[in-house]
Structure formats: C-alpha cells, structure tokens
Amino acid sequence: MDRSYAVFGLGEFGRSVCHELMELGADVLAVDRNEAQTTAIADDVTMAVAIDCLNEMAYEKLGLNNMDGVVVSMSGNLGASIMAIMA
C-alpha cells in the first residue's frame, strides 16, 4: 500500500482501524493519551505514542504533515478531537 496513517484514540474502533490498515500494508502511527493503550498495540503497528492530546506542541513532533490520512476516534473529549483535527 505504501501509505501512512495516524489513528488518534485507541478504543475498540481505533484499534480495529489500526489492525485493518496494517493488514492492508500501511504504516500506522497509533496515538492515545493512555500509555497502557499505546503499549498494548505497540507490537501491532509501525509506531505507538502516548501524548497529551490537548497540548498543541505534542502534535508537532508526530510528523502529521507527512501522513496520507488521519483517523480521529476519540469519543470522550471533544477538545482533544478538535485539536487532533486542526493539527
């Protein structure tokens, strides 16, 4: 596939998206505020990171401008979802 995607939010839906994208041959950056979630999926994706999704500076280090697509699946925090979309 030679494409790269970031997935924000590693609940059930976000994890499913990560696995599907990896099966399609994509590079996947999995992002969540909960380090336990990123640790649990780390072996299944290209890279997994835990960040404060309300910290604008945290997004700058992720290289989102180089991604082909971004999936935002954070249901619990509207502010964090908006920050991810605007990054």
N, C-alpha and C. Protein backbone atom coordinates (compact mmCIF):
# COMPACT_ATOMS: atom_id res chain seq x y z
N MET A 1 0.82 -1.19 0.00
CA MET A 1 0.00 0.00 0.00
C MET A 1 0.87 1.26 0.00
N ASP A 2 2.00 1.24 0.70
CA ASP A 2 2.92 2.38 0.74
C ASP A 2 2.26 3.68 1.18
N ARG A 3 1.37 3.61 2.09
CA ARG A 3 0.70 4.80 2.63
C ARG A 3 0.90 4.81 4.14
N SER A 4 0.77 6.00 4.70
CA SER A 4 0.92 6.12 6.15
C SER A 4 -0.27 6.86 6.74
N TYR A 5 -0.70 6.38 7.89
CA TYR A 5 -1.88 6.92 8.56
C TYR A 5 -1.60 7.07 10.04
N ALA A 6 -2.24 8.06 10.63
CA ALA A 6 -2.23 8.22 12.08
C ALA A 6 -3.64 7.93 12.58
N VAL A 7 -3.73 7.22 13.67
CA VAL A 7 -5.02 6.91 14.29
C VAL A 7 -4.98 7.46 15.71
N PHE A 8 -5.86 8.42 16.00
CA PHE A 8 -5.97 9.03 17.32
C PHE A 8 -7.13 8.41 18.07
N GLY A 9 -6.83 7.85 19.22
CA GLY A 9 -7.86 7.19 20.02
C GLY A 9 -7.80 5.69 19.80
N LEU A 10 -7.43 4.97 20.82
CA LEU A 10 -7.21 3.53 20.68
C LEU A 10 -8.23 2.72 21.47
N GLY A 11 -9.46 3.16 21.40
CA GLY A 11 -10.55 2.35 21.93
C GLY A 11 -10.80 1.21 20.95
N GLU A 12 -11.91 0.56 21.08
CA GLU A 12 -12.23 -0.59 20.22
C GLU A 12 -12.19 -0.22 18.74
N PHE A 13 -12.82 0.91 18.37
CA PHE A 13 -12.85 1.32 16.97
C PHE A 13 -11.45 1.68 16.47
N GLY A 14 -10.72 2.48 17.23
CA GLY A 14 -9.38 2.89 16.82
C GLY A 14 -8.43 1.71 16.64
N ARG A 15 -8.50 0.76 17.56
CA ARG A 15 -7.65 -0.45 17.42
C ARG A 15 -8.02 -1.24 16.18
N SER A 16 -9.31 -1.34 15.90
CA SER A 16 -9.75 -2.07 14.70
C SER A 16 -9.24 -1.39 13.44
N VAL A 17 -9.30 -0.07 13.41
CA VAL A 17 -8.80 0.68 12.25
C VAL A 17 -7.30 0.43 12.09
N CYS A 18 -6.56 0.48 13.18
CA CYS A 18 -5.11 0.23 13.13
C CYS A 18 -4.81 -1.14 12.53
N HIS A 19 -5.51 -2.16 13.00
CA HIS A 19 -5.26 -3.52 12.52
C HIS A 19 -5.62 -3.66 11.04
N GLU A 20 -6.73 -3.08 10.63
CA GLU A 20 -7.13 -3.16 9.22
C GLU A 20 -6.11 -2.46 8.32
N LEU A 21 -5.67 -1.28 8.72
CA LEU A 21 -4.68 -0.55 7.92
C LEU A 21 -3.37 -1.32 7.82
N MET A 22 -2.93 -1.92 8.91
CA MET A 22 -1.71 -2.72 8.89
C MET A 22 -1.86 -3.92 7.97
N GLU A 23 -3.02 -4.57 8.00
CA GLU A 23 -3.26 -5.71 7.11
C GLU A 23 -3.23 -5.30 5.65
N LEU A 24 -3.58 -4.06 5.37
CA LEU A 24 -3.54 -3.54 4.00
C LEU A 24 -2.15 -3.07 3.59
N GLY A 25 -1.19 -3.16 4.52
CA GLY A 25 0.18 -2.82 4.21
C GLY A 25 0.57 -1.38 4.49
N ALA A 26 -0.25 -0.67 5.20
CA ALA A 26 0.04 0.73 5.52
C ALA A 26 0.95 0.84 6.73
N ASP A 27 1.66 1.95 6.83
CA ASP A 27 2.37 2.30 8.05
C ASP A 27 1.36 3.00 8.95
N VAL A 28 1.33 2.63 10.22
CA VAL A 28 0.33 3.18 11.13
C VAL A 28 0.99 3.75 12.38
N LEU A 29 0.67 5.01 12.65
CA LEU A 29 1.05 5.68 13.88
C LEU A 29 -0.18 5.67 14.78
N ALA A 30 -0.13 4.96 15.89
CA ALA A 30 -1.25 4.87 16.82
C ALA A 30 -1.00 5.82 17.98
N VAL A 31 -2.00 6.68 18.27
CA VAL A 31 -1.83 7.73 19.27
C VAL A 31 -2.98 7.69 20.27
N ASP A 32 -2.63 7.78 21.55
CA ASP A 32 -3.65 7.84 22.59
C ASP A 32 -3.04 8.57 23.79
N ARG A 33 -3.88 9.12 24.63
CA ARG A 33 -3.37 9.77 25.84
C ARG A 33 -3.01 8.75 26.91
N ASN A 34 -3.56 7.56 26.80
CA ASN A 34 -3.38 6.50 27.78
C ASN A 34 -2.20 5.61 27.36
N GLU A 35 -1.14 5.66 28.13
CA GLU A 35 0.06 4.89 27.79
C GLU A 35 -0.20 3.39 27.77
N ALA A 36 -1.12 2.91 28.58
CA ALA A 36 -1.45 1.48 28.57
C ALA A 36 -2.03 1.07 27.22
N GLN A 37 -2.82 1.95 26.61
CA GLN A 37 -3.39 1.66 25.30
C GLN A 37 -2.30 1.59 24.23
N THR A 38 -1.36 2.54 24.27
CA THR A 38 -0.31 2.54 23.25
C THR A 38 0.65 1.36 23.45
N THR A 39 0.90 1.00 24.69
CA THR A 39 1.76 -0.15 24.97
C THR A 39 1.11 -1.43 24.46
N ALA A 40 -0.19 -1.54 24.64
CA ALA A 40 -0.91 -2.76 24.24
C ALA A 40 -0.90 -2.98 22.73
N ILE A 41 -0.84 -1.91 21.95
CA ILE A 41 -0.90 -2.06 20.49
C ILE A 41 0.46 -1.88 19.82
N ALA A 42 1.48 -1.54 20.59
CA ALA A 42 2.79 -1.20 20.04
C ALA A 42 3.38 -2.26 19.11
N ASP A 43 3.19 -3.53 19.43
CA ASP A 43 3.76 -4.59 18.60
C ASP A 43 2.98 -4.82 17.30
N ASP A 44 1.80 -4.23 17.20
CA ASP A 44 0.93 -4.46 16.04
C ASP A 44 0.96 -3.33 15.02
N VAL A 45 1.62 -2.21 15.34
CA VAL A 45 1.63 -1.05 14.46
C VAL A 45 3.06 -0.59 14.21
N THR A 46 3.23 0.34 13.29
CA THR A 46 4.55 0.86 12.98
C THR A 46 5.13 1.62 14.17
N MET A 47 4.30 2.46 14.79
CA MET A 47 4.72 3.23 15.95
C MET A 47 3.50 3.56 16.80
N ALA A 48 3.67 3.54 18.10
CA ALA A 48 2.60 3.90 19.03
C ALA A 48 3.15 4.89 20.04
N VAL A 49 2.42 5.99 20.24
CA VAL A 49 2.88 7.01 21.17
C VAL A 49 1.73 7.49 22.05
N ALA A 50 2.07 7.81 23.27
CA ALA A 50 1.10 8.41 24.20
C ALA A 50 1.43 9.89 24.29
N ILE A 51 0.43 10.74 24.03
CA ILE A 51 0.63 12.18 24.13
C ILE A 51 -0.56 12.81 24.84
N ASP A 52 -0.34 14.03 25.32
CA ASP A 52 -1.44 14.84 25.84
C ASP A 52 -2.12 15.46 24.64
N CYS A 53 -3.28 14.96 24.29
CA CYS A 53 -3.97 15.38 23.07
C CYS A 53 -4.50 16.80 23.13
N LEU A 54 -4.38 17.46 24.27
CA LEU A 54 -4.76 18.87 24.38
C LEU A 54 -3.55 19.80 24.28
N ASN A 55 -2.37 19.24 24.12
CA ASN A 55 -1.14 20.02 24.01
C ASN A 55 -0.76 20.17 22.54
N GLU A 56 -0.94 21.37 22.02
CA GLU A 56 -0.67 21.62 20.60
C GLU A 56 0.77 21.29 20.21
N MET A 57 1.71 21.52 21.10
CA MET A 57 3.12 21.24 20.81
C MET A 57 3.37 19.74 20.61
N ALA A 58 2.59 18.91 21.25
CA ALA A 58 2.78 17.46 21.13
C ALA A 58 2.54 16.99 19.70
N TYR A 59 1.64 17.64 18.99
CA TYR A 59 1.33 17.24 17.62
C TYR A 59 2.47 17.53 16.65
N GLU A 60 3.23 18.58 16.92
CA GLU A 60 4.31 18.97 16.02
C GLU A 60 5.36 17.88 15.87
N LYS A 61 5.56 17.08 16.89
CA LYS A 61 6.59 16.04 16.86
C LYS A 61 6.13 14.78 16.14
N LEU A 62 4.86 14.70 15.78
CA LEU A 62 4.33 13.47 15.19
C LEU A 62 4.51 13.37 13.68
N GLY A 63 4.82 14.47 13.01
CA GLY A 63 5.00 14.44 11.56
C GLY A 63 3.71 14.21 10.79
N LEU A 64 2.62 14.78 11.27
CA LEU A 64 1.32 14.54 10.64
C LEU A 64 1.24 15.09 9.21
N ASN A 65 2.07 16.07 8.89
CA ASN A 65 2.07 16.61 7.52
C ASN A 65 2.52 15.58 6.50
N ASN A 66 3.22 14.55 6.96
CA ASN A 66 3.71 13.51 6.07
C ASN A 66 2.75 12.33 5.94
N MET A 67 1.65 12.38 6.65
CA MET A 67 0.68 11.28 6.63
C MET A 67 -0.28 11.42 5.44
N ASP A 68 -0.70 10.28 4.92
CA ASP A 68 -1.70 10.27 3.86
C ASP A 68 -3.10 10.46 4.41
N GLY A 69 -3.30 10.12 5.67
CA GLY A 69 -4.61 10.27 6.28
C GLY A 69 -4.52 10.18 7.79
N VAL A 70 -5.54 10.74 8.44
CA VAL A 70 -5.62 10.72 9.89
C VAL A 70 -7.03 10.31 10.28
N VAL A 71 -7.13 9.36 11.20
CA VAL A 71 -8.42 8.93 11.73
C VAL A 71 -8.51 9.41 13.18
N VAL A 72 -9.57 10.14 13.50
CA VAL A 72 -9.78 10.63 14.86
C VAL A 72 -10.95 9.86 15.46
N SER A 73 -10.66 9.05 16.48
CA SER A 73 -11.71 8.23 17.09
C SER A 73 -11.73 8.41 18.60
N MET A 74 -11.59 9.66 19.03
CA MET A 74 -11.61 9.97 20.46
C MET A 74 -13.02 10.40 20.84
N SER A 75 -13.70 9.57 21.60
CA SER A 75 -15.10 9.86 21.90
C SER A 75 -15.29 10.64 23.19
N GLY A 76 -14.35 10.59 24.09
CA GLY A 76 -14.56 11.15 25.41
C GLY A 76 -14.23 12.61 25.59
N ASN A 77 -13.48 13.21 24.65
CA ASN A 77 -13.00 14.57 24.86
C ASN A 77 -13.12 15.36 23.58
N LEU A 78 -14.13 16.20 23.49
CA LEU A 78 -14.36 17.00 22.28
C LEU A 78 -13.18 17.92 22.00
N GLY A 79 -12.62 18.53 23.03
CA GLY A 79 -11.49 19.43 22.84
C GLY A 79 -10.29 18.73 22.23
N ALA A 80 -10.00 17.52 22.68
CA ALA A 80 -8.88 16.76 22.13
C ALA A 80 -9.16 16.37 20.69
N SER A 81 -10.39 16.02 20.37
CA SER A 81 -10.75 15.68 18.99
C SER A 81 -10.55 16.87 18.07
N ILE A 82 -10.97 18.05 18.52
CA ILE A 82 -10.80 19.26 17.71
C ILE A 82 -9.33 19.57 17.52
N MET A 83 -8.52 19.43 18.57
CA MET A 83 -7.07 19.67 18.45
C MET A 83 -6.45 18.72 17.43
N ALA A 84 -6.83 17.46 17.45
CA ALA A 84 -6.28 16.49 16.51
C ALA A 84 -6.66 16.83 15.09
N ILE A 85 -7.88 17.26 14.87
CA ILE A 85 -8.34 17.62 13.53
C ILE A 85 -7.60 18.84 13.02
N MET A 86 -7.35 19.80 13.88
CA MET A 86 -6.71 21.04 13.46
C MET A 86 -5.20 20.89 13.30
N ALA A 87 -4.62 19.86 13.89
CA ALA A 87 -3.18 19.65 13.78
C ALA A 87 -2.88 19.24 12.39
